PDB file of N, CA and C in Angstrom:
ATOM      1  N   MET A   1      23.180  40.798-151.244  1.00  0.00           N
ATOM      2  CA  MET A   1      24.141  40.684-150.176  1.00  0.00           C
ATOM      3  C   MET A   1      25.528  40.881-150.779  1.00  0.00           C
ATOM      4  N   SER A   2      26.326  41.688-150.134  1.00  0.00           N
ATOM      5  CA  SER A   2      27.685  41.895-150.627  1.00  0.00           C
ATOM      6  C   SER A   2      28.659  41.055-149.798  1.00  0.00           C
ATOM      7  N   LEU A   3      29.737  40.658-150.455  1.00  0.00           N
ATOM      8  CA  LEU A   3      30.754  39.845-149.806  1.00  0.00           C
ATOM      9  C   LEU A   3      31.863  40.730-149.271  1.00  0.00           C
ATOM     10  N   THR A   4      32.479  40.290-148.182  1.00  0.00           N
ATOM     11  CA  THR A   4      33.674  40.969-147.698  1.00  0.00           C
ATOM     12  C   THR A   4      34.817  40.671-148.673  1.00  0.00           C
ATOM     13  N   ASP A   5      35.913  41.390-148.561  1.00  0.00           N
ATOM     14  CA  ASP A   5      37.053  41.148-149.445  1.00  0.00           C
ATOM     15  C   ASP A   5      37.548  39.715-149.340  1.00  0.00           C
ATOM     16  N   SER A   6      37.631  39.191-148.113  1.00  0.00           N
ATOM     17  CA  SER A   6      38.132  37.822-147.953  1.00  0.00           C
ATOM     18  C   SER A   6      37.144  36.804-148.521  1.00  0.00           C
ATOM     19  N   GLU A   7      35.845  37.062-148.380  1.00  0.00           N
ATOM     20  CA  GLU A   7      34.853  36.169-148.967  1.00  0.00           C
ATOM     21  C   GLU A   7      34.948  36.187-150.493  1.00  0.00           C
ATOM     22  N   GLN A   8      35.154  37.362-151.074  1.00  0.00           N
ATOM     23  CA  GLN A   8      35.272  37.458-152.524  1.00  0.00           C
ATOM     24  C   GLN A   8      36.515  36.720-153.012  1.00  0.00           C
ATOM     25  N   ARG A   9      37.636  36.835-152.270  1.00  0.00           N
ATOM     26  CA  ARG A   9      38.850  36.102-152.642  1.00  0.00           C
ATOM     27  C   ARG A   9      38.605  34.592-152.587  1.00  0.00           C
ATOM     28  N   PHE A  10      37.928  34.134-151.509  1.00  0.00           N
ATOM     29  CA  PHE A  10      37.594  32.719-151.395  1.00  0.00           C
ATOM     30  C   PHE A  10      36.753  32.296-152.599  1.00  0.00           C
ATOM     31  N   TRP A  11      35.751  33.093-152.905  1.00  0.00           N
ATOM     32  CA  TRP A  11      34.863  32.797-154.037  1.00  0.00           C
ATOM     33  C   TRP A  11      35.673  32.685-155.321  1.00  0.00           C
ATOM     34  N   ASP A  12      36.522  33.685-155.582  1.00  0.00           N
ATOM     35  CA  ASP A  12      37.314  33.703-156.803  1.00  0.00           C
ATOM     36  C   ASP A  12      38.257  32.509-156.882  1.00  0.00           C
ATOM     37  N   ASP A  13      38.844  32.118-155.750  1.00  0.00           N
ATOM     38  CA  ASP A  13      39.829  31.040-155.730  1.00  0.00           C
ATOM     39  C   ASP A  13      39.226  29.646-155.769  1.00  0.00           C
ATOM     40  N   HIS A  14      38.030  29.457-155.219  1.00  0.00           N
ATOM     41  CA  HIS A  14      37.521  28.102-155.006  1.00  0.00           C
ATOM     42  C   HIS A  14      36.230  27.736-155.734  1.00  0.00           C
ATOM     43  N   CYS A  15      35.473  28.687-156.147  1.00  0.00           N
ATOM     44  CA  CYS A  15      34.130  28.341-156.614  1.00  0.00           C
ATOM     45  C   CYS A  15      34.020  28.138-158.119  1.00  0.00           C
ATOM     46  N   GLY A  16      34.780  28.851-158.898  1.00  0.00           N
ATOM     47  CA  GLY A  16      34.813  28.597-160.319  1.00  0.00           C
ATOM     48  C   GLY A  16      33.627  29.102-161.119  1.00  0.00           C
ATOM     49  N   LEU A  17      32.582  29.560-160.489  1.00  0.00           N
ATOM     50  CA  LEU A  17      31.415  30.101-161.187  1.00  0.00           C
ATOM     51  C   LEU A  17      31.192  31.531-160.747  1.00  0.00           C
ATOM     52  N   PRO A  18      30.726  32.364-161.664  1.00  0.00           N
ATOM     53  CA  PRO A  18      30.336  33.702-161.204  1.00  0.00           C
ATOM     54  C   PRO A  18      29.261  33.569-160.133  1.00  0.00           C
ATOM     55  N   ARG A  19      29.322  34.404-159.126  1.00  0.00           N
ATOM     56  CA  ARG A  19      28.397  34.319-157.999  1.00  0.00           C
ATOM     57  C   ARG A  19      26.945  34.328-158.454  1.00  0.00           C
ATOM     58  N   THR A  20      26.636  35.006-159.536  1.00  0.00           N
ATOM     59  CA  THR A  20      25.257  35.097-159.994  1.00  0.00           C
ATOM     60  C   THR A  20      24.728  33.765-160.500  1.00  0.00           C
ATOM     61  N   GLU A  21      25.598  32.799-160.747  1.00  0.00           N
ATOM     62  CA  GLU A  21      25.137  31.517-161.270  1.00  0.00           C
ATOM     63  C   GLU A  21      24.783  30.513-160.176  1.00  0.00           C
ATOM     64  N   ILE A  22      25.047  30.843-158.923  1.00  0.00           N
ATOM     65  CA  ILE A  22      24.658  29.937-157.842  1.00  0.00           C
ATOM     66  C   ILE A  22      23.132  29.921-157.780  1.00  0.00           C
ATOM     67  N   ASP A  23      22.574  28.744-157.719  1.00  0.00           N
ATOM     68  CA  ASP A  23      21.127  28.585-157.762  1.00  0.00           C
ATOM     69  C   ASP A  23      20.581  28.431-156.352  1.00  0.00           C
ATOM     70  N   LEU A  24      20.188  29.564-155.755  1.00  0.00           N
ATOM     71  CA  LEU A  24      19.620  29.500-154.409  1.00  0.00           C
ATOM     72  C   LEU A  24      18.269  28.801-154.409  1.00  0.00           C
ATOM     73  N   GLU A  25      17.594  28.797-155.546  1.00  0.00           N
ATOM     74  CA  GLU A  25      16.313  28.093-155.612  1.00  0.00           C
ATOM     75  C   GLU A  25      16.504  26.608-155.334  1.00  0.00           C
ATOM     76  N   SER A  26      17.592  26.030-155.827  1.00  0.00           N
ATOM     77  CA  SER A  26      17.831  24.604-155.554  1.00  0.00           C
ATOM     78  C   SER A  26      18.117  24.373-154.071  1.00  0.00           C
ATOM     79  N   LEU A  27      18.783  25.322-153.407  1.00  0.00           N
ATOM     80  CA  LEU A  27      18.981  25.213-151.961  1.00  0.00           C
ATOM     81  C   LEU A  27      17.630  25.199-151.254  1.00  0.00           C
ATOM     82  N   LEU A  28      16.759  26.122-151.627  1.00  0.00           N
ATOM     83  CA  LEU A  28      15.442  26.192-150.989  1.00  0.00           C
ATOM     84  C   LEU A  28      14.641  24.924-151.229  1.00  0.00           C
ATOM     85  N   GLN A  29      14.696  24.396-152.444  1.00  0.00           N
ATOM     86  CA  GLN A  29      13.974  23.153-152.741  1.00  0.00           C
ATOM     87  C   GLN A  29      14.535  21.989-151.928  1.00  0.00           C
ATOM     88  N   SER A  30      15.850  21.924-151.821  1.00  0.00           N
ATOM     89  CA  SER A  30      16.475  20.842-151.047  1.00  0.00           C
ATOM     90  C   SER A  30      16.105  20.940-149.571  1.00  0.00           C
ATOM     91  N   VAL A  31      16.168  22.158-149.021  1.00  0.00           N
ATOM     92  CA  VAL A  31      15.815  22.356-147.614  1.00  0.00           C
ATOM     93  C   VAL A  31      14.345  21.999-147.400  1.00  0.00           C
ATOM     94  N   HIS A  32      13.484  22.457-148.277  1.00  0.00           N
ATOM     95  CA  HIS A  32      12.041  22.182-148.140  1.00  0.00           C
ATOM     96  C   HIS A  32      11.767  20.683-148.134  1.00  0.00           C
ATOM     97  N   SER A  33      12.527  19.931-148.919  1.00  0.00           N
ATOM     98  CA  SER A  33      12.280  18.487-149.023  1.00  0.00           C
ATOM     99  C   SER A  33      12.590  17.729-147.741  1.00  0.00           C
ATOM    100  N   VAL A  34      13.380  18.296-146.835  1.00  0.00           N
ATOM    101  CA  VAL A  34      13.743  17.583-145.606  1.00  0.00           C
ATOM    102  C   VAL A  34      13.100  18.172-144.349  1.00  0.00           C
ATOM    103  N   LEU A  35      12.376  19.271-144.493  1.00  0.00           N
ATOM    104  CA  LEU A  35      11.758  19.903-143.316  1.00  0.00           C
ATOM    105  C   LEU A  35      10.654  19.048-142.729  1.00  0.00           C
ATOM    106  N   GLN A  36      10.513  19.136-141.430  1.00  0.00           N
ATOM    107  CA  GLN A  36       9.403  18.474-140.770  1.00  0.00           C
ATOM    108  C   GLN A  36       8.109  19.219-141.114  1.00  0.00           C
ATOM    109  N   PRO A  37       7.018  18.489-141.312  1.00  0.00           N
ATOM    110  CA  PRO A  37       5.745  19.135-141.651  1.00  0.00           C
ATOM    111  C   PRO A  37       5.287  20.094-140.549  1.00  0.00           C
ATOM    112  N   GLY A  38       4.636  21.161-140.958  1.00  0.00           N
ATOM    113  CA  GLY A  38       4.012  22.068-140.011  1.00  0.00           C
ATOM    114  C   GLY A  38       4.888  23.181-139.490  1.00  0.00           C
ATOM    115  N   LEU A  39       6.131  23.291-139.948  1.00  0.00           N
ATOM    116  CA  LEU A  39       6.978  24.383-139.484  1.00  0.00           C
ATOM    117  C   LEU A  39       6.449  25.706-140.023  1.00  0.00           C
ATOM    118  N   HIS A  40       6.467  26.710-139.195  1.00  0.00           N
ATOM    119  CA  HIS A  40       6.020  28.046-139.600  1.00  0.00           C
ATOM    120  C   HIS A  40       7.023  28.621-140.610  1.00  0.00           C
ATOM    121  N   PRO A  41       6.545  29.286-141.667  1.00  0.00           N
ATOM    122  CA  PRO A  41       7.455  29.881-142.654  1.00  0.00           C
ATOM    123  C   PRO A  41       8.483  30.835-142.028  1.00  0.00           C
ATOM    124  N   GLY A  42       8.097  31.526-140.970  1.00  0.00           N
ATOM    125  CA  GLY A  42       9.031  32.420-140.294  1.00  0.00           C
ATOM    126  C   GLY A  42      10.180  31.672-139.641  1.00  0.00           C
ATOM    127  N   THR A  43       9.902  30.480-139.165  1.00  0.00           N
ATOM    128  CA  THR A  43      10.948  29.639-138.578  1.00  0.00           C
ATOM    129  C   THR A  43      11.968  29.254-139.640  1.00  0.00           C
ATOM    130  N   VAL A  44      11.457  28.863-140.797  1.00  0.00           N
ATOM    131  CA  VAL A  44      12.343  28.457-141.897  1.00  0.00           C
ATOM    132  C   VAL A  44      13.150  29.661-142.394  1.00  0.00           C
ATOM    133  N   SER A  45      12.489  30.784-142.561  1.00  0.00           N
ATOM    134  CA  SER A  45      13.163  32.002-143.010  1.00  0.00           C
ATOM    135  C   SER A  45      14.254  32.419-142.036  1.00  0.00           C
ATOM    136  N   GLY A  46      13.934  32.372-140.752  1.00  0.00           N
ATOM    137  CA  GLY A  46      14.926  32.705-139.730  1.00  0.00           C
ATOM    138  C   GLY A  46      16.116  31.759-139.765  1.00  0.00           C
ATOM    139  N   PHE A  47      15.838  30.477-139.947  1.00  0.00           N
ATOM    140  CA  PHE A  47      16.911  29.482-140.039  1.00  0.00           C
ATOM    141  C   PHE A  47      17.853  29.806-141.196  1.00  0.00           C
ATOM    142  N   LEU A  48      17.292  30.127-142.356  1.00  0.00           N
ATOM    143  CA  LEU A  48      18.108  30.381-143.542  1.00  0.00           C
ATOM    144  C   LEU A  48      18.992  31.621-143.396  1.00  0.00           C
ATOM    145  N   ALA A  49      18.543  32.574-142.583  1.00  0.00           N
ATOM    146  CA  ALA A  49      19.270  33.838-142.444  1.00  0.00           C
ATOM    147  C   ALA A  49      20.175  33.904-141.215  1.00  0.00           C
ATOM    148  N   THR A  50      19.999  32.994-140.273  1.00  0.00           N
ATOM    149  CA  THR A  50      20.712  33.064-138.998  1.00  0.00           C
ATOM    150  C   THR A  50      22.012  32.276-139.038  1.00  0.00           C
ATOM    151  N   PRO A  51      23.112  32.880-138.580  1.00  0.00           N
ATOM    152  CA  PRO A  51      24.370  32.124-138.508  1.00  0.00           C
ATOM    153  C   PRO A  51      24.192  30.848-137.680  1.00  0.00           C
ATOM    154  N   GLN A  52      24.728  29.763-138.209  1.00  0.00           N
ATOM    155  CA  GLN A  52      24.644  28.457-137.567  1.00  0.00           C
ATOM    156  C   GLN A  52      26.050  28.035-137.134  1.00  0.00           C
ATOM    157  N   PRO A  53      26.236  27.626-135.882  1.00  0.00           N
ATOM    158  CA  PRO A  53      27.571  27.241-135.399  1.00  0.00           C
ATOM    159  C   PRO A  53      28.230  26.150-136.237  1.00  0.00           C
ATOM    160  N   ASP A  54      27.445  25.289-136.868  1.00  0.00           N
ATOM    161  CA  ASP A  54      28.015  24.198-137.667  1.00  0.00           C
ATOM    162  C   ASP A  54      28.428  24.633-139.068  1.00  0.00           C
ATOM    163  N   LEU A  55      28.072  25.848-139.461  1.00  0.00           N
ATOM    164  CA  LEU A  55      28.459  26.372-140.771  1.00  0.00           C
ATOM    165  C   LEU A  55      29.448  27.498-140.534  1.00  0.00           C
ATOM    166  N   GLU A  56      30.709  27.183-140.615  1.00  0.00           N
ATOM    167  CA  GLU A  56      31.744  28.139-140.247  1.00  0.00           C
ATOM    168  C   GLU A  56      32.598  28.496-141.447  1.00  0.00           C
ATOM    169  N   TYR A  57      32.841  29.785-141.613  1.00  0.00           N
ATOM    170  CA  TYR A  57      33.711  30.296-142.661  1.00  0.00           C
ATOM    171  C   TYR A  57      34.704  31.268-142.036  1.00  0.00           C
ATOM    172  N   GLU A  58      35.984  31.001-142.215  1.00  0.00           N
ATOM    173  CA  GLU A  58      37.050  31.823-141.645  1.00  0.00           C
ATOM    174  C   GLU A  58      36.830  32.109-140.156  1.00  0.00           C
ATOM    175  N   GLY A  59      36.458  31.078-139.421  1.00  0.00           N
ATOM    176  CA  GLY A  59      36.343  31.186-137.982  1.00  0.00           C
ATOM    177  C   GLY A  59      35.064  31.816-137.460  1.00  0.00           C
ATOM    178  N   ARG A  60      34.106  32.089-138.340  1.00  0.00           N
ATOM    179  CA  ARG A  60      32.847  32.661-137.848  1.00  0.00           C
ATOM    180  C   ARG A  60      31.670  31.910-138.462  1.00  0.00           C
ATOM    181  N   ALA A  61      30.616  31.835-137.689  1.00  0.00           N
ATOM    182  CA  ALA A  61      29.411  31.149-138.144  1.00  0.00           C
ATOM    183  C   ALA A  61      28.714  31.993-139.208  1.00  0.00           C
ATOM    184  N   VAL A  62      28.164  31.314-140.212  1.00  0.00           N
ATOM    185  CA  VAL A  62      27.388  31.974-141.259  1.00  0.00           C
ATOM    186  C   VAL A  62      26.053  31.251-141.402  1.00  0.00           C
ATOM    187  N   GLY A  63      25.086  31.923-141.973  1.00  0.00           N
ATOM    188  CA  GLY A  63      23.777  31.319-142.208  1.00  0.00           C
ATOM    189  C   GLY A  63      23.794  30.428-143.441  1.00  0.00           C
ATOM    190  N   PRO A  64      22.792  29.563-143.585  1.00  0.00           N
ATOM    191  CA  PRO A  64      22.734  28.658-144.731  1.00  0.00           C
ATOM    192  C   PRO A  64      22.765  29.362-146.089  1.00  0.00           C
ATOM    193  N   THR A  65      22.085  30.490-146.209  1.00  0.00           N
ATOM    194  CA  THR A  65      22.093  31.190-147.492  1.00  0.00           C
ATOM    195  C   THR A  65      23.487  31.706-147.807  1.00  0.00           C
ATOM    196  N   GLN A  66      24.130  32.339-146.833  1.00  0.00           N
ATOM    197  CA  GLN A  66      25.482  32.843-147.051  1.00  0.00           C
ATOM    198  C   GLN A  66      26.443  31.680-147.302  1.00  0.00           C
ATOM    199  N   TRP A  67      26.267  30.591-146.575  1.00  0.00           N
ATOM    200  CA  TRP A  67      27.079  29.386-146.762  1.00  0.00           C
ATOM    201  C   TRP A  67      27.018  28.925-148.217  1.00  0.00           C
ATOM    202  N   GLN A  68      25.818  28.897-148.769  1.00  0.00           N
ATOM    203  CA  GLN A  68      25.646  28.468-150.153  1.00  0.00           C
ATOM    204  C   GLN A  68      26.300  29.458-151.113  1.00  0.00           C
ATOM    205  N   LEU A  69      26.136  30.749-150.845  1.00  0.00           N
ATOM    206  CA  LEU A  69      26.766  31.760-151.699  1.00  0.00           C
ATOM    207  C   LEU A  69      28.288  31.674-151.665  1.00  0.00           C
ATOM    208  N   LEU A  70      28.826  31.202-150.551  1.00  0.00           N
ATOM    209  CA  LEU A  70      30.272  31.039-150.427  1.00  0.00           C
ATOM    210  C   LEU A  70      30.762  29.725-151.030  1.00  0.00           C
ATOM    211  N   GLY A  71      29.836  28.926-151.544  1.00  0.00           N
ATOM    212  CA  GLY A  71      30.218  27.682-152.192  1.00  0.00           C
ATOM    213  C   GLY A  71      30.271  26.481-151.284  1.00  0.00           C
ATOM    214  N   GLY A  72      29.718  26.607-150.085  1.00  0.00           N
ATOM    215  CA  GLY A  72      29.700  25.478-149.152  1.00  0.00           C
ATOM    216  C   GLY A  72      28.795  24.359-149.654  1.00  0.00           C
ATOM    217  N   PRO A  73      29.088  23.127-149.269  1.00  0.00           N
ATOM    218  CA  PRO A  73      28.249  21.998-149.677  1.00  0.00           C
ATOM    219  C   PRO A  73      26.879  22.059-149.010  1.00  0.00           C
ATOM    220  N   VAL A  74      25.883  21.528-149.670  1.00  0.00           N
ATOM    221  CA  VAL A  74      24.513  21.604-149.167  1.00  0.00           C
ATOM    222  C   VAL A  74      24.251  20.601-148.036  1.00  0.00           C
ATOM    223  N   GLU A  75      25.023  19.533-147.943  1.00  0.00           N
ATOM    224  CA  GLU A  75      24.743  18.467-146.970  1.00  0.00           C
ATOM    225  C   GLU A  75      24.666  18.959-145.526  1.00  0.00           C
ATOM    226  N   PRO A  76      25.603  19.791-145.047  1.00  0.00           N
ATOM    227  CA  PRO A  76      25.474  20.251-143.652  1.00  0.00           C
ATOM    228  C   PRO A  76      24.217  21.093-143.428  1.00  0.00           C
ATOM    229  N   VAL A  77      23.797  21.832-144.435  1.00  0.00           N
ATOM    230  CA  VAL A  77      22.562  22.626-144.328  1.00  0.00           C
ATOM    231  C   VAL A  77      21.365  21.699-144.196  1.00  0.00           C
ATOM    232  N   LEU A  78      21.347  20.637-144.984  1.00  0.00           N
ATOM    233  CA  LEU A  78      20.225  19.697-144.929  1.00  0.00           C
ATOM    234  C   LEU A  78      20.180  18.966-143.589  1.00  0.00           C
ATOM    235  N   THR A  79      21.332  18.628-143.046  1.00  0.00           N
ATOM    236  CA  THR A  79      21.380  17.991-141.724  1.00  0.00           C
ATOM    237  C   THR A  79      20.756  18.903-140.676  1.00  0.00           C
ATOM    238  N   LEU A  80      21.121  20.196-140.712  1.00  0.00           N
ATOM    239  CA  LEU A  80      20.557  21.152-139.767  1.00  0.00           C
ATOM    240  C   LEU A  80      19.065  21.344-140.008  1.00  0.00           C
ATOM    241  N   ALA A  81      18.656  21.396-141.250  1.00  0.00           N
ATOM    242  CA  ALA A  81      17.241  21.598-141.578  1.00  0.00           C
ATOM    243  C   ALA A  81      16.382  20.432-141.089  1.00  0.00           C
ATOM    244  N   LYS A  82      16.910  19.209-141.182  1.00  0.00           N
ATOM    245  CA  LYS A  82      16.167  18.039-140.702  1.00  0.00           C
ATOM    246  C   LYS A  82      15.890  18.133-139.219  1.00  0.00           C
ATOM    247  N   GLU A  83      16.813  18.759-138.476  1.00  0.00           N
ATOM    248  CA  GLU A  83      16.692  18.867-137.023  1.00  0.00           C
ATOM    249  C   GLU A  83      15.920  20.107-136.585  1.00  0.00           C
ATOM    250  N   LEU A  84      15.534  20.949-137.522  1.00  0.00           N
ATOM    251  CA  LEU A  84      14.940  22.243-137.187  1.00  0.00           C
ATOM    252  C   LEU A  84      13.688  22.103-136.330  1.00  0.00           C
ATOM    253  N   GLY A  85      12.823  21.169-136.639  1.00  0.00           N
ATOM    254  CA  GLY A  85      11.613  21.002-135.852  1.00  0.00           C
ATOM    255  C   GLY A  85      11.855  20.506-134.445  1.00  0.00           C
ATOM    256  N   ASP A  86      12.993  19.868-134.217  1.00  0.00           N
ATOM    257  CA  ASP A  86      13.320  19.360-132.886  1.00  0.00           C
ATOM    258  C   ASP A  86      13.697  20.478-131.926  1.00  0.00           C
ATOM    259  N   CYS A  87      14.050  21.644-132.479  1.00  0.00           N
ATOM    260  CA  CYS A  87      14.561  22.752-131.664  1.00  0.00           C
ATOM    261  C   CYS A  87      13.458  23.686-131.171  1.00  0.00           C
ATOM    262  N   ILE A  88      12.260  23.515-131.678  1.00  0.00           N
ATOM    263  CA  ILE A  88      11.198  24.460-131.276  1.00  0.00           C
ATOM    264  C   ILE A  88      10.156  23.781-130.432  1.00  0.00           C
TER     265      ILE A  88
END
């Protein structure tokens, strides 16, 4: 995934680590630990890729994976993931 110019500036100014060092595996492990049992893998995959209104960057919603790549905290993602089974 490539970043827009403004996302790259945000990354450079606030994150302090090269983008390649962000550990998306830890995001996936954290999300998996709070999911309700029995969710279809496609539901989880869709959640991770779909912009979420509660995850906003520069006035627009972003998905959990992009949120993590932009250096967002994991807590709001976990809150949304806990509620994922309630929405289907």
